[in-house]
């Protein structure tokens, strides 16, 4: 009965029936599975996880319980645990949807062969699985295997309920591979099919520098946002795209108007931005400064992982972390892990911030596990770069886990950083991004914490790289970074635009261009409209 109610979209009623079944027979694992699924459908993720865990304690090889557990953990923002449960479920009872999720995980981890293997297993079970066809096509395209990908794209378009999404996915895969003209052509194809959708327009303006010849495209976007029938989501995201277009055209006041409107809408008319608390952020910064004292740092080698393989590139978002990663991964002995959520996810399990206690017995197994993860992403590399900007909040923990690891902190002009956050369509859930006062406060807390890391971590483990210096004196700063990582010099590091590895950044196009100076002192174009960002101007300006 509970299963029937779930299929009918009545999770509350299913929960009642499943709860009665659990009470009647507490050793029936299937009842826990139904109860967990009913709770999942009502977004009660913690309670759902408890039910799945109870069922697993009774019947550990019931795949449905592990599939449910994976879904609950994913929604609780515990991706590492979710993946473990998902892989267990797939091993016990492979299903196309589960296989595709594992394939997506392997793609994210750059395990291309494994990702394709899981996709093909899914397609063998269900040749008409739209997502499996699309993901196979995406992976092949990102690897430059366009001929192999073609039939899968065609099949994905035939099977998909959202053809525009297939066009956009293909376009982004082409951009990831550095094939910008082909990617833009796909975006334009999507515009022809759905001229009111925001994604293709955003893709076009993000994949090039908008020029005078693009005025008709800009006019078309203006027409769409002025139409009352346009959805809030489309209008909001088109404001970002139009702002970027006017910025490229040198029309800065108009650009700022659209960026302001995009942020206003995102903050006030959607549920996309979490609540921001200045007191909570200040408290978190205080906790970290109080915990990671010079005395703790001196004792840091006890129980630590001695590997120097992990290399962390940290910094405020939009501060040049991607450029630093691209430069380093041009080196033949350096691999890239993109932005790993691992340590931010496990941080609460390792440190009790209320009393400053570090659970060293938990730290080393996690450090070993992360090294294993890096080995699967970039086997055989001397260093593997994790460039998650959010790691700037936990530099002390990273140094505690790996006292021999190098940490590179990228620093950019504070107002240019703030403006770039304001002008960028972010996928992050950072709660401060859509309010100028909040951005200013968050930046100052980030600076306060960075000052602390600099004061307690040895300069042979912690290097600050000024983004502007990297752009203006590329060779000297690049050589400094390479030497800091204890690597021999390779000329390839001077040409990050030739690095064809996939990148995770809103600035696909920029990282494929020669290192550029146009991003320096952008704030001067917007000086009349800086508002609260003016507070971040250095006193000498």
Protein backbone atom coordinates (compact mmCIF):
# COMPACT_ATOMS: atom_id res chain seq x y z
CA UNK A 1 0.00 0.00 0.00
CA UNK A 2 2.82 2.46 0.88
CA UNK A 3 4.45 1.81 -2.51
CA UNK A 4 1.17 2.48 -4.30
CA UNK A 5 0.70 5.77 -2.45
CA UNK A 6 4.27 6.80 -3.30
CA UNK A 7 3.62 6.07 -6.96
CA UNK A 8 0.48 8.19 -6.73
CA UNK A 9 2.42 11.12 -5.32
CA UNK A 10 0.95 10.89 -1.82
CA UNK A 11 4.04 10.71 0.42
CA UNK A 12 2.30 11.84 3.63
CA UNK A 13 -0.22 9.03 3.38
CA UNK A 14 2.57 6.61 2.47
CA UNK A 15 4.48 7.71 5.57
CA UNK A 16 1.49 6.88 7.78
CA UNK A 17 1.12 3.39 6.30
CA UNK A 18 4.88 2.69 6.43
CA UNK A 19 5.10 3.90 10.06
CA UNK A 20 2.36 1.47 11.03
CA UNK A 21 4.19 -1.33 9.23
CA UNK A 22 7.42 -0.54 11.10
CA UNK A 23 5.56 -0.54 14.43
CA UNK A 24 3.90 -3.85 13.59
CA UNK A 25 7.13 -5.55 12.50
CA UNK A 26 10.33 -3.65 13.48
CA UNK A 27 12.52 -6.27 11.79
CA UNK A 28 11.05 -5.84 8.29
CA UNK A 29 13.69 -3.85 6.35
CA UNK A 30 11.32 -3.20 3.44
CA UNK A 31 9.06 -1.08 5.68
CA UNK A 32 12.02 1.14 6.55
CA UNK A 33 12.74 1.55 2.86
CA UNK A 34 9.20 2.73 2.16
CA UNK A 35 9.22 5.01 5.21
CA UNK A 36 12.55 6.53 4.16
CA UNK A 37 11.31 7.13 0.63
CA UNK A 38 8.13 8.80 1.93
CA UNK A 39 10.23 11.12 4.09
CA UNK A 40 12.56 11.85 1.18
CA UNK A 41 9.60 12.91 -0.94
CA UNK A 42 8.69 15.43 1.79
CA UNK A 43 12.26 16.80 2.02
CA UNK A 44 12.73 15.31 5.49
CA UNK A 45 16.25 14.18 4.70
CA UNK A 46 17.70 13.63 8.19
CA UNK A 47 14.72 11.54 9.27
CA UNK A 48 14.83 9.62 5.99
CA UNK A 49 18.51 8.83 6.55
CA UNK A 50 17.70 7.41 9.98
CA UNK A 51 15.10 5.06 8.50
CA UNK A 52 17.41 3.85 5.74
CA UNK A 53 20.18 3.24 8.29
CA UNK A 54 17.79 1.22 10.48
CA UNK A 55 16.77 -0.87 7.50
CA UNK A 56 20.43 -1.46 6.53
CA UNK A 57 21.20 -2.62 10.08
CA UNK A 58 18.59 -5.37 9.52
CA UNK A 59 19.28 -6.20 5.89
CA UNK A 60 22.61 -4.80 4.73
CA UNK A 61 22.43 -6.03 1.16
CA UNK A 62 19.08 -4.47 0.26
CA UNK A 63 20.04 -2.20 -2.63
CA UNK A 64 16.92 -0.04 -2.31
CA UNK A 65 18.01 1.05 1.17
CA UNK A 66 21.44 2.08 -0.10
CA UNK A 67 19.91 3.96 -3.07
CA UNK A 68 17.67 5.80 -0.62
CA UNK A 69 20.53 6.48 1.76
CA UNK A 70 22.56 7.95 -1.09
CA UNK A 71 19.70 10.29 -2.02
CA UNK A 72 19.29 11.45 1.58
CA UNK A 73 23.01 12.08 2.02
CA UNK A 74 23.19 13.99 -1.25
CA UNK A 75 20.42 16.30 -0.11
CA UNK A 76 22.17 16.73 3.24
CA UNK A 77 25.23 18.00 1.34
CA UNK A 78 27.38 15.00 2.23
CA UNK A 79 28.54 14.05 -1.27
CA UNK A 80 31.39 11.74 -0.25
CA UNK A 81 29.15 9.52 1.89
CA UNK A 82 26.41 9.68 -0.74
CA UNK A 83 28.78 8.35 -3.38
CA UNK A 84 29.86 5.45 -1.16
CA UNK A 85 26.22 4.41 -0.66
CA UNK A 86 25.41 4.85 -4.33
CA UNK A 87 28.32 2.68 -5.45
CA UNK A 88 27.30 -0.01 -2.96
CA UNK A 89 23.75 0.05 -4.31
CA UNK A 90 24.93 -0.17 -7.91
CA UNK A 91 27.22 -3.05 -7.04
CA UNK A 92 24.32 -4.94 -5.41
CA UNK A 93 21.66 -4.21 -7.97
CA UNK A 94 22.64 -2.04 -10.95
CA UNK A 95 19.91 0.21 -12.29
CA UNK A 96 20.29 2.63 -15.21
CA UNK A 97 19.66 5.74 -13.10
CA UNK A 98 22.19 4.63 -10.49
CA UNK A 99 24.78 3.72 -13.12
CA UNK A 100 24.42 7.15 -14.71
CA UNK A 101 24.89 8.89 -11.36
CA UNK A 102 28.09 6.93 -10.76
CA UNK A 103 29.22 7.82 -14.28
CA UNK A 104 28.60 11.51 -13.57
CA UNK A 105 30.65 11.23 -10.40
CA UNK A 106 33.50 9.58 -12.29
CA UNK A 107 33.32 12.27 -14.95
CA UNK A 108 33.64 14.94 -12.25
CA UNK A 109 36.66 13.09 -10.87
CA UNK A 110 38.17 12.90 -14.39
CA UNK A 111 37.91 9.10 -14.43
CA UNK A 112 36.83 9.19 -18.04
CA UNK A 113 37.19 5.50 -18.86
CA UNK A 114 35.21 4.47 -15.79
CA UNK A 115 32.52 7.06 -16.53
CA UNK A 116 32.08 5.75 -20.06
CA UNK A 117 31.99 2.18 -18.75
CA UNK A 118 29.07 2.96 -16.45
CA UNK A 119 27.24 4.88 -19.17
CA UNK A 120 27.52 1.95 -21.53
CA UNK A 121 26.28 -0.45 -18.87
CA UNK A 122 23.26 1.80 -18.40
CA UNK A 123 22.65 1.93 -22.14
CA UNK A 124 22.95 -1.83 -22.43
CA UNK A 125 20.14 -2.14 -19.88
CA UNK A 126 18.12 0.70 -21.43
CA UNK A 127 19.23 1.95 -24.87
CA UNK A 128 16.55 4.65 -24.65
CA UNK A 129 17.85 6.18 -21.43
CA UNK A 130 18.02 9.86 -22.39
CA UNK A 131 20.41 10.93 -19.64
CA UNK A 132 22.82 8.07 -20.35
CA UNK A 133 22.95 9.01 -24.03
CA UNK A 134 23.48 12.67 -23.20
CA UNK A 135 26.18 11.99 -20.61
CA UNK A 136 28.03 9.64 -22.97
CA UNK A 137 27.94 12.32 -25.65
CA UNK A 138 29.11 14.96 -23.20
CA UNK A 139 32.10 12.94 -21.98
CA UNK A 140 33.19 12.05 -25.49
CA UNK A 141 32.87 15.66 -26.59
CA UNK A 142 34.87 16.97 -23.64
CA UNK A 143 37.58 14.51 -24.64
CA UNK A 144 37.55 15.80 -28.24
CA UNK A 145 36.06 12.55 -29.62
CA UNK A 146 33.44 14.41 -31.63
CA UNK A 147 32.76 11.74 -34.24
CA UNK A 148 32.04 9.13 -31.57
CA UNK A 149 29.81 11.59 -29.71
CA UNK A 150 27.64 12.55 -32.69
CA UNK A 151 25.23 9.61 -32.63
CA UNK A 152 24.74 9.91 -28.89
CA UNK A 153 23.85 13.60 -29.22
CA UNK A 154 21.35 12.76 -31.94
CA UNK A 155 19.80 10.06 -29.77
CA UNK A 156 19.70 12.37 -26.74
CA UNK A 157 17.80 14.97 -28.77
CA UNK A 158 15.33 12.33 -29.96
CA UNK A 159 14.71 10.98 -26.46
CA UNK A 160 14.97 14.08 -24.29
CA UNK A 161 11.92 15.94 -23.02
CA UNK A 162 13.95 19.18 -23.10
CA UNK A 163 15.76 19.46 -26.44
CA UNK A 164 17.08 22.93 -25.55
CA UNK A 165 18.85 21.45 -22.54
CA UNK A 166 20.58 18.97 -24.84
CA UNK A 167 21.76 21.81 -27.09
CA UNK A 168 23.05 23.74 -24.07
CA UNK A 169 24.77 20.67 -22.61
CA UNK A 170 26.47 20.00 -25.94
CA UNK A 171 27.52 23.64 -26.24
CA UNK A 172 29.04 23.63 -22.76
CA UNK A 173 30.87 20.38 -23.50
CA UNK A 174 32.37 22.00 -26.59
CA UNK A 175 33.41 25.04 -24.54
CA UNK A 176 35.01 22.76 -21.96
CA UNK A 177 37.04 21.24 -24.80
CA UNK A 178 38.04 24.74 -25.94
CA UNK A 179 35.92 24.60 -29.13
CA UNK A 180 34.29 28.00 -28.77
CA UNK A 181 32.97 28.60 -32.27
CA UNK A 182 31.29 25.21 -32.31
CA UNK A 183 29.86 25.81 -28.84
CA UNK A 184 28.46 29.20 -29.81
CA UNK A 185 26.85 27.61 -32.89
CA UNK A 186 25.03 25.15 -30.61
CA UNK A 187 23.85 27.97 -28.37
CA UNK A 188 22.50 29.81 -31.41
CA UNK A 189 20.68 26.66 -32.46
CA UNK A 190 19.04 26.59 -29.03
CA UNK A 191 17.98 30.23 -29.42
CA UNK A 192 16.21 29.37 -32.67
CA UNK A 193 14.27 26.59 -30.94
CA UNK A 194 13.44 28.48 -27.73
CA UNK A 195 14.05 32.21 -28.17
CA UNK A 196 12.83 33.04 -24.65
CA UNK A 197 15.13 30.71 -22.67
CA UNK A 198 18.01 32.44 -20.86
CA UNK A 199 20.60 29.64 -21.00
CA UNK A 200 21.62 29.96 -24.67
CA UNK A 201 21.99 33.75 -24.46
CA UNK A 202 24.12 33.47 -21.35
CA UNK A 203 26.19 30.81 -23.06
CA UNK A 204 26.85 33.00 -26.10
CA UNK A 205 27.93 36.10 -24.18
CA UNK A 206 30.07 34.01 -21.80
CA UNK A 207 31.89 32.30 -24.66
CA UNK A 208 33.14 35.45 -26.40
CA UNK A 209 33.73 39.15 -26.12
CA UNK A 210 30.53 40.86 -27.23
CA UNK A 211 31.14 43.26 -30.13
CA UNK A 212 29.17 45.84 -32.13
CA UNK A 213 28.14 43.09 -34.55
CA UNK A 214 26.25 41.46 -31.66
CA UNK A 215 23.87 44.41 -31.18
CA UNK A 216 20.90 42.44 -32.58
CA UNK A 217 21.50 39.73 -29.99
CA UNK A 218 21.63 42.34 -27.20
CA UNK A 219 18.42 43.95 -28.48
CA UNK A 220 16.74 40.55 -28.53
CA UNK A 221 17.66 39.97 -24.87
CA UNK A 222 16.31 43.40 -23.94
CA UNK A 223 13.05 42.59 -25.69
CA UNK A 224 12.66 39.37 -23.72
CA UNK A 225 13.20 40.90 -20.27
CA UNK A 226 10.69 43.66 -21.07
CA UNK A 227 8.01 41.10 -21.93
CA UNK A 228 5.73 40.56 -18.89
CA UNK A 229 5.29 36.94 -19.91
CA UNK A 230 8.99 36.21 -19.30
CA UNK A 231 9.50 34.15 -16.15
CA UNK A 232 11.38 35.49 -13.14
CA UNK A 233 14.11 32.89 -13.67
CA UNK A 234 14.65 33.82 -17.32
CA UNK A 235 14.53 37.55 -16.61
CA UNK A 236 16.92 37.30 -13.66
CA UNK A 237 19.54 35.36 -15.58
CA UNK A 238 19.18 37.47 -18.70
CA UNK A 239 20.02 40.55 -16.63
CA UNK A 240 23.44 38.97 -15.96
CA UNK A 241 23.92 38.22 -19.66
CA UNK A 242 22.86 41.72 -20.73
CA UNK A 243 25.12 43.26 -18.11
CA UNK A 244 28.08 41.29 -19.44
CA UNK A 245 27.25 42.39 -22.99
CA UNK A 246 27.12 46.08 -22.08
CA UNK A 247 30.35 45.73 -20.09
CA UNK A 248 32.09 44.36 -23.18
CA UNK A 249 30.65 47.23 -25.23
CA UNK A 250 32.03 49.80 -22.76
CA UNK A 251 28.55 50.90 -21.60
CA UNK A 252 29.32 50.64 -17.91
CA UNK A 253 26.41 52.51 -16.36
CA UNK A 254 23.94 50.42 -18.32
CA UNK A 255 25.88 47.26 -17.43
CA UNK A 256 25.78 48.08 -13.74
CA UNK A 257 22.03 48.71 -13.91
CA UNK A 258 21.47 45.16 -15.16
CA UNK A 259 23.88 43.59 -12.67
CA UNK A 260 22.12 45.47 -9.87
CA UNK A 261 18.74 44.24 -11.06
CA UNK A 262 19.96 40.64 -11.37
CA UNK A 263 21.25 40.64 -7.80
CA UNK A 264 18.14 42.36 -6.48
CA UNK A 265 15.88 39.79 -8.10
CA UNK A 266 17.99 36.84 -7.00
CA UNK A 267 18.02 38.04 -3.40
CA UNK A 268 14.39 39.18 -3.10
CA UNK A 269 12.35 37.20 -5.62
CA UNK A 270 13.86 33.71 -5.38
CA UNK A 271 14.86 31.20 -2.72
CA UNK A 272 18.33 30.76 -4.24
CA UNK A 273 20.34 32.74 -1.68
CA UNK A 274 20.64 31.30 1.85
CA UNK A 275 20.20 33.55 4.86
CA UNK A 276 23.32 35.57 5.69
CA UNK A 277 24.33 36.24 9.28
CA UNK A 278 27.23 38.59 9.92
CA UNK A 279 27.39 37.41 13.54
CA UNK A 280 27.73 33.78 12.47
CA UNK A 281 30.48 34.54 9.96
CA UNK A 282 32.37 36.68 12.49
CA UNK A 283 32.02 33.88 15.03
CA UNK A 284 33.37 31.30 12.58
CA UNK A 285 36.38 33.49 11.87
CA UNK A 286 36.99 34.03 15.59
CA UNK A 287 36.79 30.26 16.20
CA UNK A 288 39.40 29.51 13.55
CA UNK A 289 41.80 32.19 14.76
CA UNK A 290 41.37 31.03 18.36
CA UNK A 291 41.90 27.36 17.47
CA UNK A 292 44.87 27.56 15.11
CA UNK A 293 47.40 29.16 17.43
CA UNK A 294 51.17 29.20 16.87
CA UNK A 295 51.41 26.58 19.64
CA UNK A 296 49.09 24.20 17.75
CA UNK A 297 50.99 24.75 14.53
CA UNK A 298 54.26 23.75 16.26
CA UNK A 299 52.71 20.41 17.24
CA UNK A 300 51.16 19.90 13.84
CA UNK A 301 53.23 16.90 12.72
CA UNK A 302 51.75 14.57 15.32
CA UNK A 303 49.62 11.97 13.56
CA UNK A 304 49.65 13.88 10.27
CA UNK A 305 49.91 12.60 6.71
CA UNK A 306 53.44 13.42 5.50
CA UNK A 307 52.58 13.49 1.79
CA UNK A 308 53.27 16.67 -0.16
CA UNK A 309 51.14 15.51 -3.06
CA UNK A 310 48.05 17.61 -2.31
CA UNK A 311 48.52 21.21 -3.44
CA UNK A 312 45.81 23.67 -2.45
CA UNK A 313 45.01 26.86 -4.32
CA UNK A 314 42.74 29.00 -2.16
CA UNK A 315 41.35 32.52 -2.16
CA UNK A 316 38.15 34.53 -2.27
CA UNK A 317 35.97 33.50 -5.21
CA UNK A 318 36.81 35.41 -8.42
CA UNK A 319 40.37 36.07 -7.20
CA UNK A 320 42.32 34.12 -9.83
CA UNK A 321 42.33 30.60 -8.41
CA UNK A 322 41.50 29.10 -11.81
CA UNK A 323 44.38 30.90 -13.51
CA UNK A 324 46.80 29.67 -10.84
CA UNK A 325 45.51 26.11 -11.22
CA UNK A 326 45.77 26.27 -15.02
CA UNK A 327 49.37 27.48 -14.81
CA UNK A 328 50.41 24.75 -12.40
CA UNK A 329 48.64 21.95 -14.28
CA UNK A 330 50.53 22.89 -17.45
CA UNK A 331 53.47 21.24 -15.71
CA UNK A 332 53.97 17.63 -16.72
CA UNK A 333 54.21 16.50 -13.09
CA UNK A 334 51.08 18.27 -11.85
CA UNK A 335 47.48 17.10 -12.12
CA UNK A 336 44.29 19.01 -11.44
CA UNK A 337 41.41 17.95 -9.19
CA UNK A 338 39.25 21.04 -9.85
CA UNK A 339 37.19 22.10 -6.79
CA UNK A 340 36.87 19.26 -4.33
CA UNK A 341 34.25 19.61 -1.55
CA UNK A 342 35.98 16.94 0.55
CA UNK A 343 37.51 18.95 3.36
CA UNK A 344 34.68 21.44 3.72
CA UNK A 345 32.35 18.46 4.03
CA UNK A 346 34.42 16.68 6.69
CA UNK A 347 35.56 19.73 8.64
CA UNK A 348 32.80 19.40 11.31
CA UNK A 349 33.86 15.80 11.99
CA UNK A 350 37.46 16.78 12.67
CA UNK A 351 37.20 19.96 14.75
CA UNK A 352 34.81 21.00 17.49
CA UNK A 353 34.83 24.75 16.99
CA UNK A 354 33.07 25.47 20.29
CA UNK A 355 35.99 24.19 22.35
CA UNK A 356 38.72 24.12 19.70
CA UNK A 357 39.31 20.37 20.07
CA UNK A 358 40.93 18.62 17.10
CA UNK A 359 40.09 14.93 16.70
CA UNK A 360 43.46 13.78 15.42
CA UNK A 361 42.38 10.14 15.40
CA UNK A 362 39.81 11.07 12.73
CA UNK A 363 42.08 13.38 10.79
CA UNK A 364 44.72 10.97 9.49
CA UNK A 365 42.27 8.41 8.02
CA UNK A 366 40.54 11.27 6.20
CA UNK A 367 43.86 12.64 5.00
CA UNK A 368 44.80 9.20 3.68
CA UNK A 369 41.41 8.90 2.00
CA UNK A 370 41.80 12.25 0.26
CA UNK A 371 45.23 11.21 -1.03
CA UNK A 372 43.63 8.08 -2.47
CA UNK A 373 41.02 10.25 -4.16
CA UNK A 374 43.71 12.45 -5.72
CA UNK A 375 45.50 9.33 -6.94
CA UNK A 376 42.40 8.18 -8.78
CA UNK A 377 41.97 11.63 -10.36
CA UNK A 378 45.58 12.13 -11.46
CA UNK A 379 47.56 8.89 -11.15
CA UNK A 380 51.31 9.23 -11.29
CA UNK A 381 51.45 12.99 -10.75
CA UNK A 382 53.85 14.47 -8.18
CA UNK A 383 51.33 17.14 -7.16
CA UNK A 384 47.56 17.33 -7.59
CA UNK A 385 45.88 20.72 -7.27
CA UNK A 386 42.60 21.24 -5.43
CA UNK A 387 41.54 24.81 -6.18
CA UNK A 388 38.36 25.11 -4.15
CA UNK A 389 38.19 28.81 -3.10
CA UNK A 390 36.11 27.85 -0.04
CA UNK A 391 39.18 26.11 1.37
CA UNK A 392 40.48 29.58 2.26
CA UNK A 393 38.31 29.23 5.38
CA UNK A 394 40.04 26.02 6.48
CA UNK A 395 43.70 26.58 5.60
CA UNK A 396 44.66 25.68 9.16
CA UNK A 397 42.90 22.33 8.88
CA UNK A 398 44.60 21.60 5.55
CA UNK A 399 48.00 22.37 7.08
CA UNK A 400 47.11 20.19 10.06
CA UNK A 401 46.26 17.28 7.76
CA UNK A 402 49.26 17.75 5.43
CA UNK A 403 52.09 19.76 7.01
CA UNK A 404 54.23 19.19 3.91
CA UNK A 405 51.58 20.27 1.39
CA UNK A 406 51.94 23.60 -0.42
CA UNK A 407 49.13 26.12 -0.10
CA UNK A 408 48.92 28.96 -2.64
CA UNK A 409 46.66 31.86 -1.76
CA UNK A 410 45.63 34.08 -4.69
CA UNK A 411 44.84 37.68 -3.83
CA UNK A 412 43.19 40.21 -6.14
CA UNK A 413 42.35 43.89 -5.73
CA UNK A 414 39.43 43.81 -3.25
CA UNK A 415 37.09 46.00 -5.29
CA UNK A 416 37.79 44.12 -8.52
CA UNK A 417 37.06 40.91 -6.60
CA UNK A 418 33.82 42.29 -5.18
CA UNK A 419 32.69 43.59 -8.56
CA UNK A 420 33.45 40.26 -10.22
CA UNK A 421 31.31 38.48 -7.61
CA UNK A 422 28.54 41.02 -8.24
CA UNK A 423 28.70 40.60 -12.01
CA UNK A 424 28.96 36.82 -12.19
CA UNK A 425 26.10 34.34 -12.37
CA UNK A 426 27.23 32.18 -9.44
CA UNK A 427 26.37 28.54 -8.91
CA UNK A 428 27.64 28.75 -5.35
CA UNK A 429 25.29 28.84 -2.39
CA UNK A 430 27.46 31.42 -0.59
CA UNK A 431 24.93 33.54 1.31
CA UNK A 432 26.70 36.89 0.88
CA UNK A 433 26.88 37.11 -2.91
CA UNK A 434 23.84 39.25 -3.80
CA UNK A 435 24.11 42.08 -1.28
CA UNK A 436 26.91 44.68 -1.49
CA UNK A 437 27.11 45.21 2.26
CA UNK A 438 27.28 41.46 2.81
CA UNK A 439 30.05 41.07 0.21
CA UNK A 440 32.05 43.83 1.91
CA UNK A 441 31.62 42.22 5.33
CA UNK A 442 32.50 38.74 4.04
CA UNK A 443 35.57 40.07 2.27
CA UNK A 444 36.83 41.75 5.43
CA UNK A 445 36.36 38.54 7.43
CA UNK A 446 38.19 36.63 4.70
CA UNK A 447 41.04 39.17 4.89
CA UNK A 448 41.16 38.88 8.68
CA UNK A 449 41.46 35.10 8.45
CA UNK A 450 44.04 35.28 5.65
CA UNK A 451 46.16 37.60 7.80
CA UNK A 452 46.05 34.96 10.53
CA UNK A 453 47.05 32.09 8.23
CA UNK A 454 49.98 34.16 6.96
CA UNK A 455 51.13 34.79 10.53
CA UNK A 456 51.07 31.17 11.75
CA UNK A 457 52.05 29.07 8.70
CA UNK A 458 55.63 28.92 7.49
CA UNK A 459 56.31 30.72 4.18
CA UNK A 460 57.77 27.51 2.74
CA UNK A 461 54.26 26.04 2.97
CA UNK A 462 52.07 29.11 2.40
CA UNK A 463 52.60 31.41 -0.59
CA UNK A 464 50.53 34.47 -1.43
CA UNK A 465 50.28 35.33 -5.12
CA UNK A 466 48.96 38.73 -6.12
CA UNK A 467 46.74 38.30 -9.17
CA UNK A 468 47.83 41.62 -10.65
CA UNK A 469 51.51 40.64 -10.37
CA UNK A 470 50.76 37.31 -12.03
CA UNK A 471 49.15 39.10 -14.96
CA UNK A 472 51.74 41.89 -15.35
CA UNK A 473 54.90 39.88 -14.60
CA UNK A 474 53.77 36.44 -15.59
CA UNK A 475 57.14 34.72 -15.93
CA UNK A 476 58.61 35.87 -12.62
CA UNK A 477 55.51 34.99 -10.59
CA UNK A 478 55.01 31.70 -12.44
CA UNK A 479 58.60 30.73 -11.75
CA UNK A 480 58.02 31.58 -8.09
CA UNK A 481 54.98 29.28 -7.98
CA UNK A 482 56.81 26.41 -9.69
CA UNK A 483 59.82 26.75 -7.40
CA UNK A 484 57.53 26.93 -4.35
CA UNK A 485 56.11 23.54 -5.36
CA UNK A 486 59.65 22.14 -5.56
CA UNK A 487 59.37 21.44 -9.28
CA UNK A 488 61.82 21.92 -12.10
CA UNK A 489 60.97 24.65 -14.57
CA UNK A 490 58.93 23.91 -17.71
CA UNK A 491 58.19 26.59 -20.33
CA UNK A 492 54.65 25.20 -20.81
CA UNK A 493 53.66 26.89 -17.53
CA UNK A 494 53.88 30.26 -19.31
CA UNK A 495 51.03 29.34 -21.66
CA UNK A 496 47.98 28.34 -19.57
CA UNK A 497 45.70 29.22 -22.50
CA UNK A 498 47.02 26.05 -24.20
CA UNK A 499 45.97 23.87 -21.27
CA UNK A 500 43.05 21.86 -22.66
CA UNK A 501 42.03 20.13 -19.45
CA UNK A 502 38.42 20.68 -18.39
CA UNK A 503 37.92 23.64 -16.06
CA UNK A 504 35.25 24.51 -13.50
CA UNK A 505 34.72 28.25 -13.60
CA UNK A 506 32.10 30.72 -14.85
CA UNK A 507 34.90 32.17 -17.06
CA UNK A 508 35.27 29.40 -19.67
CA UNK A 509 36.33 31.85 -22.36
CA UNK A 510 38.80 33.85 -20.28
CA UNK A 511 40.88 30.87 -19.17
CA UNK A 512 41.34 29.85 -22.83
CA UNK A 513 42.78 33.26 -23.74
CA UNK A 514 46.37 34.45 -23.24
CA UNK A 515 46.83 35.94 -19.77
CA UNK A 516 45.03 39.25 -20.08
CA UNK A 517 45.31 42.67 -18.39
CA UNK A 518 41.79 43.86 -19.16
CA UNK A 519 40.57 42.47 -15.83
CA UNK A 520 42.92 44.77 -13.89
CA UNK A 521 41.47 47.87 -12.26
CA UNK A 522 38.04 47.21 -13.75
CA UNK A 523 36.62 49.03 -10.77
CA UNK A 524 37.67 52.36 -12.28
CA UNK A 525 35.08 51.89 -15.07
CA UNK A 526 32.41 51.57 -12.39
CA UNK A 527 33.65 54.13 -9.87
CA UNK A 528 30.47 56.28 -9.91
CA UNK A 529 28.33 53.24 -9.04
CA UNK A 530 30.52 51.37 -6.54
CA UNK A 531 28.29 52.07 -3.55
CA UNK A 532 29.36 49.97 -0.55
CA UNK A 533 32.25 48.46 -2.54
CA UNK A 534 34.03 51.81 -2.19
CA UNK A 535 34.74 50.82 1.42
CA UNK A 536 37.17 48.17 0.13
CA UNK A 537 39.35 50.66 -1.74
CA UNK A 538 42.88 50.70 -0.30
CA UNK A 539 43.61 54.00 1.41
CA UNK A 540 46.30 54.85 -1.13
CA UNK A 541 43.79 54.85 -4.03
